[in-house]
C-alpha cells in the first residue's frame, strides 16, 4: 500500500511538472510575439534592425542631448550676464 501512495504522489508531481512546462511554453510564445512586435516597431519607426543599430542610435542621441544641454546652459549664462549688466 505504501507503494500506491508513492505512485499517486509521483503521478501528481508529473502532472504538476507538465502544467508548469505548458505555462512556460505559453509565456515563451507570448514573449516571442511581444519581441517580434517591438522589433517591427523599431524597424518601421527608426530603421533599427539590430542591437548594433540601436546602440549606434542611442550613442548619437546621447551626444545630441549633451550638445543641447550645453547650448541651454550657455544661453542661461548669457541671459544672466545680460540681466546683471542691466542692473548695473
PDB file of N, CA and C in Angstrom:
ATOM      1  N   UNK A   1       0.806  -1.195   0.000  1.00  0.00           N
ATOM      2  CA  UNK A   1       0.000   0.000   0.000  1.00  0.00           C
ATOM      3  C   UNK A   1       0.854   1.266   0.000  1.00  0.00           C
ATOM      4  N   UNK A   2       1.977   1.191   0.666  1.00  0.00           N
ATOM      5  CA  UNK A   2       2.854   2.354   0.673  1.00  0.00           C
ATOM      6  C   UNK A   2       3.296   2.672  -0.748  1.00  0.00           C
ATOM      7  N   UNK A   3       3.435   1.621  -1.556  1.00  0.00           N
ATOM      8  CA  UNK A   3       3.839   1.809  -2.942  1.00  0.00           C
ATOM      9  C   UNK A   3       2.764   2.573  -3.720  1.00  0.00           C
ATOM     10  N   UNK A   4       1.510   2.334  -3.420  1.00  0.00           N
ATOM     11  CA  UNK A   4       0.407   3.018  -4.087  1.00  0.00           C
ATOM     12  C   UNK A   4       0.430   4.517  -3.786  1.00  0.00           C
ATOM     13  N   UNK A   5       0.731   4.864  -2.545  1.00  0.00           N
ATOM     14  CA  UNK A   5       0.812   6.271  -2.160  1.00  0.00           C
ATOM     15  C   UNK A   5       1.943   6.985  -2.882  1.00  0.00           C
ATOM     16  N   UNK A   6       3.065   6.295  -3.011  1.00  0.00           N
ATOM     17  CA  UNK A   6       4.203   6.872  -3.735  1.00  0.00           C
ATOM     18  C   UNK A   6       3.879   7.058  -5.211  1.00  0.00           C
ATOM     19  N   UNK A   7       3.132   6.107  -5.754  1.00  0.00           N
ATOM     20  CA  UNK A   7       2.741   6.189  -7.167  1.00  0.00           C
ATOM     21  C   UNK A   7       1.828   7.380  -7.411  1.00  0.00           C
ATOM     22  N   UNK A   8       0.884   7.597  -6.493  1.00  0.00           N
ATOM     23  CA  UNK A   8      -0.027   8.743  -6.640  1.00  0.00           C
ATOM     24  C   UNK A   8       0.741  10.063  -6.514  1.00  0.00           C
ATOM     25  N   UNK A   9       1.661  10.086  -5.570  1.00  0.00           N
ATOM     26  CA  UNK A   9       2.461  11.288  -5.361  1.00  0.00           C
ATOM     27  C   UNK A   9       3.320  11.580  -6.596  1.00  0.00           C
ATOM     28  N   UNK A  10       3.915  10.535  -7.146  1.00  0.00           N
ATOM     29  CA  UNK A  10       4.740  10.690  -8.337  1.00  0.00           C
ATOM     30  C   UNK A  10       3.891  11.153  -9.521  1.00  0.00           C
ATOM     31  N   UNK A  11       2.704  10.557  -9.653  1.00  0.00           N
ATOM     32  CA  UNK A  11       1.800  10.951 -10.729  1.00  0.00           C
ATOM     33  C   UNK A  11       1.432  12.423 -10.596  1.00  0.00           C
ATOM     34  N   UNK A  12       1.120  12.864  -9.381  1.00  0.00           N
ATOM     35  CA  UNK A  12       0.765  14.258  -9.150  1.00  0.00           C
ATOM     36  C   UNK A  12       1.941  15.183  -9.452  1.00  0.00           C
ATOM     37  N   UNK A  13       3.131  14.764  -9.061  1.00  0.00           N
ATOM     38  CA  UNK A  13       4.318  15.564  -9.348  1.00  0.00           C
ATOM     39  C   UNK A  13       4.527  15.701 -10.857  1.00  0.00           C
ATOM     40  N   UNK A  14       4.312  14.616 -11.566  1.00  0.00           N
ATOM     41  CA  UNK A  14       4.466  14.656 -13.019  1.00  0.00           C
ATOM     42  C   UNK A  14       3.407  15.553 -13.665  1.00  0.00           C
ATOM     43  N   UNK A  15       2.176  15.481 -13.164  1.00  0.00           N
ATOM     44  CA  UNK A  15       1.120  16.352 -13.686  1.00  0.00           C
ATOM     45  C   UNK A  15       1.435  17.822 -13.401  1.00  0.00           C
ATOM     46  N   UNK A  16       1.917  18.099 -12.191  1.00  0.00           N
ATOM     47  CA  UNK A  16       2.309  19.467 -11.843  1.00  0.00           C
ATOM     48  C   UNK A  16       3.433  19.958 -12.747  1.00  0.00           C
ATOM     49  N   UNK A  17       4.401  19.112 -12.984  1.00  0.00           N
ATOM     50  CA  UNK A  17       5.519  19.463 -13.859  1.00  0.00           C
ATOM     51  C   UNK A  17       5.032  19.722 -15.282  1.00  0.00           C
ATOM     52  N   UNK A  18       4.103  18.880 -15.743  1.00  0.00           N
ATOM     53  CA  UNK A  18       3.533  19.065 -17.076  1.00  0.00           C
ATOM     54  C   UNK A  18       2.837  20.431 -17.162  1.00  0.00           C
ATOM     55  N   UNK A  19       2.068  20.796 -16.135  1.00  0.00           N
ATOM     56  CA  UNK A  19       1.390  22.093 -16.119  1.00  0.00           C
ATOM     57  C   UNK A  19       2.399  23.243 -16.157  1.00  0.00           C
ATOM     58  N   UNK A  20       3.452  23.119 -15.375  1.00  0.00           N
ATOM     59  CA  UNK A  20       4.477  24.165 -15.349  1.00  0.00           C
ATOM     60  C   UNK A  20       5.143  24.314 -16.710  1.00  0.00           C
ATOM     61  N   UNK A  21       5.392  23.189 -17.367  1.00  0.00           N
ATOM     62  CA  UNK A  21       6.006  23.211 -18.699  1.00  0.00           C
ATOM     63  C   UNK A  21       5.068  23.889 -19.696  1.00  0.00           C
ATOM     64  N   UNK A  22       3.791  23.562 -19.642  1.00  0.00           N
ATOM     65  CA  UNK A  22       2.817  24.162 -20.552  1.00  0.00           C
ATOM     66  C   UNK A  22       2.712  25.678 -20.325  1.00  0.00           C
ATOM     67  N   UNK A  23       2.705  26.092 -19.062  1.00  0.00           N
ATOM     68  CA  UNK A  23       2.661  27.525 -18.751  1.00  0.00           C
ATOM     69  C   UNK A  23       3.910  28.229 -19.272  1.00  0.00           C
ATOM     70  N   UNK A  24       5.063  27.596 -19.088  1.00  0.00           N
ATOM     71  CA  UNK A  24       6.318  28.184 -19.558  1.00  0.00           C
ATOM     72  C   UNK A  24       6.316  28.302 -21.079  1.00  0.00           C
ATOM     73  N   UNK A  25       5.790  27.291 -21.776  1.00  0.00           N
ATOM     74  CA  UNK A  25       5.696  27.354 -23.234  1.00  0.00           C
ATOM     75  C   UNK A  25       4.791  28.497 -23.666  1.00  0.00           C
ATOM     76  N   UNK A  26       3.680  28.659 -22.972  1.00  0.00           N
ATOM     77  CA  UNK A  26       2.739  29.728 -23.295  1.00  0.00           C
ATOM     78  C   UNK A  26       3.388  31.101 -23.075  1.00  0.00           C
ATOM     79  N   UNK A  27       4.071  31.262 -21.943  1.00  0.00           N
ATOM     80  CA  UNK A  27       4.753  32.531 -21.658  1.00  0.00           C
ATOM     81  C   UNK A  27       5.829  32.801 -22.702  1.00  0.00           C
ATOM     82  N   UNK A  28       6.531  31.778 -23.096  1.00  0.00           N
ATOM     83  CA  UNK A  28       7.583  31.933 -24.105  1.00  0.00           C
ATOM     84  C   UNK A  28       6.981  32.418 -25.415  1.00  0.00           C
ATOM     85  N   UNK A  29       5.864  31.828 -25.810  1.00  0.00           N
ATOM     86  CA  UNK A  29       5.210  32.246 -27.054  1.00  0.00           C
ATOM     87  C   UNK A  29       4.757  33.699 -26.976  1.00  0.00           C
ATOM     88  N   UNK A  30       4.186  34.081 -25.840  1.00  0.00           N
ATOM     89  CA  UNK A  30       3.760  35.469 -25.656  1.00  0.00           C
ATOM     90  C   UNK A  30       4.952  36.420 -25.762  1.00  0.00           C
ATOM     91  N   UNK A  31       6.037  36.077 -25.099  1.00  0.00           N
ATOM     92  CA  UNK A  31       7.224  36.932 -25.114  1.00  0.00           C
ATOM     93  C   UNK A  31       7.827  37.020 -26.508  1.00  0.00           C
ATOM     94  N   UNK A  32       7.810  35.913 -27.239  1.00  0.00           N
ATOM     95  CA  UNK A  32       8.330  35.941 -28.606  1.00  0.00           C
ATOM     96  C   UNK A  32       7.469  36.855 -29.483  1.00  0.00           C
ATOM     97  N   UNK A  33       6.149  36.814 -29.274  1.00  0.00           N
ATOM     98  CA  UNK A  33       5.253  37.695 -30.013  1.00  0.00           C
ATOM     99  C   UNK A  33       5.507  39.157 -29.684  1.00  0.00           C
ATOM    100  N   UNK A  34       5.700  39.453 -28.408  1.00  0.00           N
ATOM    101  CA  UNK A  34       5.992  40.820 -27.989  1.00  0.00           C
ATOM    102  C   UNK A  34       7.319  41.297 -28.572  1.00  0.00           C
ATOM    103  N   UNK A  35       8.324  40.442 -28.540  1.00  0.00           N
ATOM    104  CA  UNK A  35       9.629  40.793 -29.090  1.00  0.00           C
ATOM    105  C   UNK A  35       9.526  41.074 -30.584  1.00  0.00           C
ATOM    106  N   UNK A  36       8.774  40.239 -31.287  1.00  0.00           N
ATOM    107  CA  UNK A  36       8.587  40.436 -32.722  1.00  0.00           C
ATOM    108  C   UNK A  36       7.903  41.777 -32.986  1.00  0.00           C
ATOM    109  N   UNK A  37       6.916  42.105 -32.185  1.00  0.00           N
ATOM    110  CA  UNK A  37       6.204  43.378 -32.331  1.00  0.00           C
ATOM    111  C   UNK A  37       7.131  44.569 -32.073  1.00  0.00           C
ATOM    112  N   UNK A  38       7.928  44.475 -31.023  1.00  0.00           N
ATOM    113  CA  UNK A  38       8.867  45.552 -30.694  1.00  0.00           C
ATOM    114  C   UNK A  38       9.900  45.723 -31.803  1.00  0.00           C
ATOM    115  N   UNK A  39      10.407  44.610 -32.312  1.00  0.00           N
ATOM    116  CA  UNK A  39      11.388  44.699 -33.404  1.00  0.00           C
ATOM    117  C   UNK A  39      10.786  45.348 -34.637  1.00  0.00           C
ATOM    118  N   UNK A  40       9.525  45.025 -34.934  1.00  0.00           N
ATOM    119  CA  UNK A  40       8.854  45.633 -36.082  1.00  0.00           C
ATOM    120  C   UNK A  40       8.694  47.135 -35.873  1.00  0.00           C
ATOM    121  N   UNK A  41       8.306  47.537 -34.673  1.00  0.00           N
ATOM    122  CA  UNK A  41       8.171  48.964 -34.388  1.00  0.00           C
ATOM    123  C   UNK A  41       9.503  49.689 -34.532  1.00  0.00           C
ATOM    124  N   UNK A  42      10.565  49.092 -34.014  1.00  0.00           N
ATOM    125  CA  UNK A  42      11.887  49.707 -34.124  1.00  0.00           C
ATOM    126  C   UNK A  42      12.308  49.832 -35.582  1.00  0.00           C
ATOM    127  N   UNK A  43      12.022  48.803 -36.364  1.00  0.00           N
ATOM    128  CA  UNK A  43      12.381  48.841 -37.778  1.00  0.00           C
ATOM    129  C   UNK A  43      11.548  49.881 -38.520  1.00  0.00           C
ATOM    130  N   UNK A  44      10.230  49.879 -38.295  1.00  0.00           N
ATOM    131  CA  UNK A  44       9.340  50.792 -39.007  1.00  0.00           C
ATOM    132  C   UNK A  44       9.550  52.250 -38.603  1.00  0.00           C
ATOM    133  N   UNK A  45       9.729  52.493 -37.315  1.00  0.00           N
ATOM    134  CA  UNK A  45       9.806  53.871 -36.819  1.00  0.00           C
ATOM    135  C   UNK A  45      11.206  54.462 -36.836  1.00  0.00           C
ATOM    136  N   UNK A  46      12.224  53.615 -36.685  1.00  0.00           N
ATOM    137  CA  UNK A  46      13.584  54.140 -36.521  1.00  0.00           C
ATOM    138  C   UNK A  46      14.616  53.470 -37.432  1.00  0.00           C
ATOM    139  N   UNK A  47      14.185  52.572 -38.292  1.00  0.00           N
ATOM    140  CA  UNK A  47      15.090  51.832 -39.192  1.00  0.00           C
ATOM    141  C   UNK A  47      16.145  51.052 -38.414  1.00  0.00           C
ATOM    142  N   UNK A  48      15.768  50.570 -37.236  1.00  0.00           N
ATOM    143  CA  UNK A  48      16.679  49.775 -36.410  1.00  0.00           C
ATOM    144  C   UNK A  48      16.391  48.301 -36.654  1.00  0.00           C
ATOM    145  N   UNK A  49      17.435  47.588 -37.103  1.00  0.00           N
ATOM    146  CA  UNK A  49      17.257  46.168 -37.391  1.00  0.00           C
ATOM    147  C   UNK A  49      18.137  45.270 -36.517  1.00  0.00           C
ATOM    148  N   UNK A  50      18.995  45.883 -35.705  1.00  0.00           N
ATOM    149  CA  UNK A  50      19.892  45.062 -34.882  1.00  0.00           C
ATOM    150  C   UNK A  50      20.229  45.809 -33.598  1.00  0.00           C
ATOM    151  N   UNK A  51      20.837  45.082 -32.678  1.00  0.00           N
ATOM    152  CA  UNK A  51      21.306  45.682 -31.431  1.00  0.00           C
ATOM    153  C   UNK A  51      22.355  46.745 -31.742  1.00  0.00           C
ATOM    154  N   UNK A  52      23.190  46.471 -32.743  1.00  0.00           N
ATOM    155  CA  UNK A  52      24.231  47.428 -33.127  1.00  0.00           C
ATOM    156  C   UNK A  52      23.609  48.733 -33.617  1.00  0.00           C
ATOM    157  N   UNK A  53      22.531  48.623 -34.420  1.00  0.00           N
ATOM    158  CA  UNK A  53      21.836  49.826 -34.894  1.00  0.00           C
ATOM    159  C   UNK A  53      21.267  50.618 -33.714  1.00  0.00           C
ATOM    160  N   UNK A  54      20.666  49.899 -32.773  1.00  0.00           N
ATOM    161  CA  UNK A  54      20.074  50.558 -31.609  1.00  0.00           C
ATOM    162  C   UNK A  54      21.142  51.243 -30.766  1.00  0.00           C
ATOM    163  N   UNK A  55      22.269  50.577 -30.572  1.00  0.00           N
ATOM    164  CA  UNK A  55      23.363  51.152 -29.795  1.00  0.00           C
ATOM    165  C   UNK A  55      23.909  52.396 -30.470  1.00  0.00           C
ATOM    166  N   UNK A  56      24.071  52.332 -31.786  1.00  0.00           N
ATOM    167  CA  UNK A  56      24.581  53.493 -32.525  1.00  0.00           C
ATOM    168  C   UNK A  56      23.609  54.662 -32.406  1.00  0.00           C
ATOM    169  N   UNK A  57      22.311  54.387 -32.530  1.00  0.00           N
ATOM    170  CA  UNK A  57      21.327  55.457 -32.415  1.00  0.00           C
ATOM    171  C   UNK A  57      21.327  56.042 -31.004  1.00  0.00           C
ATOM    172  N   UNK A  58      21.434  55.192 -30.003  1.00  0.00           N
ATOM    173  CA  UNK A  58      21.478  55.658 -28.620  1.00  0.00           C
ATOM    174  C   UNK A  58      22.694  56.556 -28.390  1.00  0.00           C
ATOM    175  N   UNK A  59      23.843  56.145 -28.885  1.00  0.00           N
ATOM    176  CA  UNK A  59      25.057  56.958 -28.748  1.00  0.00           C
ATOM    177  C   UNK A  59      24.872  58.330 -29.412  1.00  0.00           C
ATOM    178  N   UNK A  60      24.298  58.312 -30.606  1.00  0.00           N
ATOM    179  CA  UNK A  60      24.071  59.567 -31.329  1.00  0.00           C
ATOM    180  C   UNK A  60      23.104  60.471 -30.561  1.00  0.00           C
ATOM    181  N   UNK A  61      22.037  59.891 -30.030  1.00  0.00           N
ATOM    182  CA  UNK A  61      21.059  60.682 -29.281  1.00  0.00           C
ATOM    183  C   UNK A  61      21.665  61.244 -27.997  1.00  0.00           C
ATOM    184  N   UNK A  62      22.522  60.473 -27.341  1.00  0.00           N
ATOM    185  CA  UNK A  62      23.187  60.956 -26.128  1.00  0.00           C
ATOM    186  C   UNK A  62      24.102  62.133 -26.451  1.00  0.00           C
ATOM    187  N   UNK A  63      24.814  62.052 -27.565  1.00  0.00           N
ATOM    188  CA  UNK A  63      25.687  63.158 -27.973  1.00  0.00           C
ATOM    189  C   UNK A  63      24.869  64.405 -28.285  1.00  0.00           C
ATOM    190  N   UNK A  64      23.761  64.227 -28.978  1.00  0.00           N
ATOM    191  CA  UNK A  64      22.896  65.371 -29.285  1.00  0.00           C
ATOM    192  C   UNK A  64      22.325  65.978 -28.015  1.00  0.00           C
ATOM    193  N   UNK A  65      21.942  65.124 -27.068  1.00  0.00           N
ATOM    194  CA  UNK A  65      21.401  65.614 -25.799  1.00  0.00           C
ATOM    195  C   UNK A  65      22.452  66.420 -25.043  1.00  0.00           C
ATOM    196  N   UNK A  66      23.676  65.901 -24.984  1.00  0.00           N
ATOM    197  CA  UNK A  66      24.750  66.627 -24.308  1.00  0.00           C
ATOM    198  C   UNK A  66      24.993  67.987 -24.965  1.00  0.00           C
ATOM    199  N   UNK A  67      24.965  68.014 -26.285  1.00  0.00           N
ATOM    200  CA  UNK A  67      25.166  69.264 -27.009  1.00  0.00           C
ATOM    201  C   UNK A  67      24.035  70.247 -26.705  1.00  0.00           C
ATOM    202  N   UNK A  68      22.811  69.769 -26.698  1.00  0.00           N
ATOM    203  CA  UNK A  68      21.670  70.637 -26.388  1.00  0.00           C
ATOM    204  C   UNK A  68      21.737  71.149 -24.953  1.00  0.00           C
ATOM    205  N   UNK A  69      22.126  70.285 -24.022  1.00  0.00           N
ATOM    206  CA  UNK A  69      22.255  70.714 -22.624  1.00  0.00           C
ATOM    207  C   UNK A  69      23.319  71.804 -22.497  1.00  0.00           C
ATOM    208  N   UNK A  70      24.420  71.645 -23.218  1.00  0.00           N
ATOM    209  CA  UNK A  70      25.478  72.662 -23.183  1.00  0.00           C
ATOM    210  C   UNK A  70      24.978  73.972 -23.777  1.00  0.00           C
ATOM    211  N   UNK A  71      24.264  73.894 -24.894  1.00  0.00           N
ATOM    212  CA  UNK A  71      23.710  75.109 -25.512  1.00  0.00           C
ATOM    213  C   UNK A  71      22.756  75.817 -24.562  1.00  0.00           C
ATOM    214  N   UNK A  72      21.906  75.061 -23.894  1.00  0.00           N
ATOM    215  CA  UNK A  72      20.959  75.654 -22.950  1.00  0.00           C
ATOM    216  C   UNK A  72      21.697  76.320 -21.803  1.00  0.00           C
ATOM    217  N   UNK A  73      22.708  75.640 -21.275  1.00  0.00           N
ATOM    218  CA  UNK A  73      23.484  76.213 -20.175  1.00  0.00           C
ATOM    219  C   UNK A  73      24.186  77.497 -20.613  1.00  0.00           C
ATOM    220  N   UNK A  74      24.726  77.473 -21.818  1.00  0.00           N
ATOM    221  CA  UNK A  74      25.388  78.686 -22.344  1.00  0.00           C
ATOM    222  C   UNK A  74      24.388  79.838 -22.469  1.00  0.00           C
ATOM    223  N   UNK A  75      23.209  79.560 -22.964  1.00  0.00           N
ATOM    224  CA  UNK A  75      22.186  80.601 -23.134  1.00  0.00           C
ATOM    225  C   UNK A  75      21.722  81.141 -21.775  1.00  0.00           C
ATOM    226  N   UNK A  76      21.587  80.253 -20.788  1.00  0.00           N
ATOM    227  CA  UNK A  76      21.198  80.694 -19.444  1.00  0.00           C
ATOM    228  C   UNK A  76      22.268  81.618 -18.870  1.00  0.00           C
ATOM    229  N   UNK A  77      23.533  81.229 -19.023  1.00  0.00           N
ATOM    230  CA  UNK A  77      24.620  82.066 -18.520  1.00  0.00           C
ATOM    231  C   UNK A  77      24.654  83.405 -19.251  1.00  0.00           C
ATOM    232  N   UNK A  78      24.403  83.388 -20.546  1.00  0.00           N
ATOM    233  CA  UNK A  78      24.377  84.625 -21.333  1.00  0.00           C
ATOM    234  C   UNK A  78      23.232  85.529 -20.856  1.00  0.00           C
ATOM    235  N   UNK A  79      22.073  84.939 -20.619  1.00  0.00           N
ATOM    236  CA  UNK A  79      20.925  85.708 -20.138  1.00  0.00           C
ATOM    237  C   UNK A  79      21.209  86.282 -18.755  1.00  0.00           C
ATOM    238  N   UNK A  80      21.837  85.505 -17.890  1.00  0.00           N
ATOM    239  CA  UNK A  80      22.181  86.000 -16.552  1.00  0.00           C
ATOM    240  C   UNK A  80      23.158  87.166 -16.637  1.00  0.00           C
ATOM    241  N   UNK A  81      24.123  87.053 -17.538  1.00  0.00           N
ATOM    242  CA  UNK A  81      25.087  88.129 -17.736  1.00  0.00           C
ATOM    243  C   UNK A  81      24.393  89.418 -18.212  1.00  0.00           C
ATOM    244  N   UNK A  82      23.474  89.276 -19.152  1.00  0.00           N
ATOM    245  CA  UNK A  82      22.737  90.444 -19.657  1.00  0.00           C
ATOM    246  C   UNK A  82      21.883  91.064 -18.552  1.00  0.00           C
ATOM    247  N   UNK A  83      21.263  90.234 -17.736  1.00  0.00           N
ATOM    248  CA  UNK A  83      20.448  90.757 -16.638  1.00  0.00           C
ATOM    249  C   UNK A  83      21.324  91.485 -15.605  1.00  0.00           C
ATOM    250  N   UNK A  84      22.485  90.922 -15.327  1.00  0.00           N
ATOM    251  CA  UNK A  84      23.409  91.574 -14.389  1.00  0.00           C
ATOM    252  C   UNK A  84      23.873  92.926 -14.923  1.00  0.00           C
ATOM    253  N   UNK A  85      24.120  93.008 -16.245  1.00  0.00           N
ATOM    254  CA  UNK A  85      24.562  94.268 -16.851  1.00  0.00           C
ATOM    255  C   UNK A  85      23.461  95.312 -16.792  1.00  0.00           C
ATOM    256  N   UNK A  86      22.217  94.895 -16.966  1.00  0.00           N
ATOM    257  CA  UNK A  86      21.098  95.837 -16.920  1.00  0.00           C
ATOM    258  C   UNK A  86      20.895  96.384 -15.511  1.00  0.00           C
ATOM    259  N   UNK A  87      21.205  95.576 -14.511  1.00  0.00           N
ATOM    260  CA  UNK A  87      21.042  96.007 -13.127  1.00  0.00           C
ATOM    261  C   UNK A  87      22.084  97.040 -12.737  1.00  0.00           C
ATOM    262  N   UNK A  88      23.234  97.038 -13.399  1.00  0.00           N
ATOM    263  CA  UNK A  88      24.317  97.980 -13.059  1.00  0.00           C
ATOM    264  C   UNK A  88      24.084  99.332 -13.580  1.00  0.00           C
TER     265      UNK A  88
END
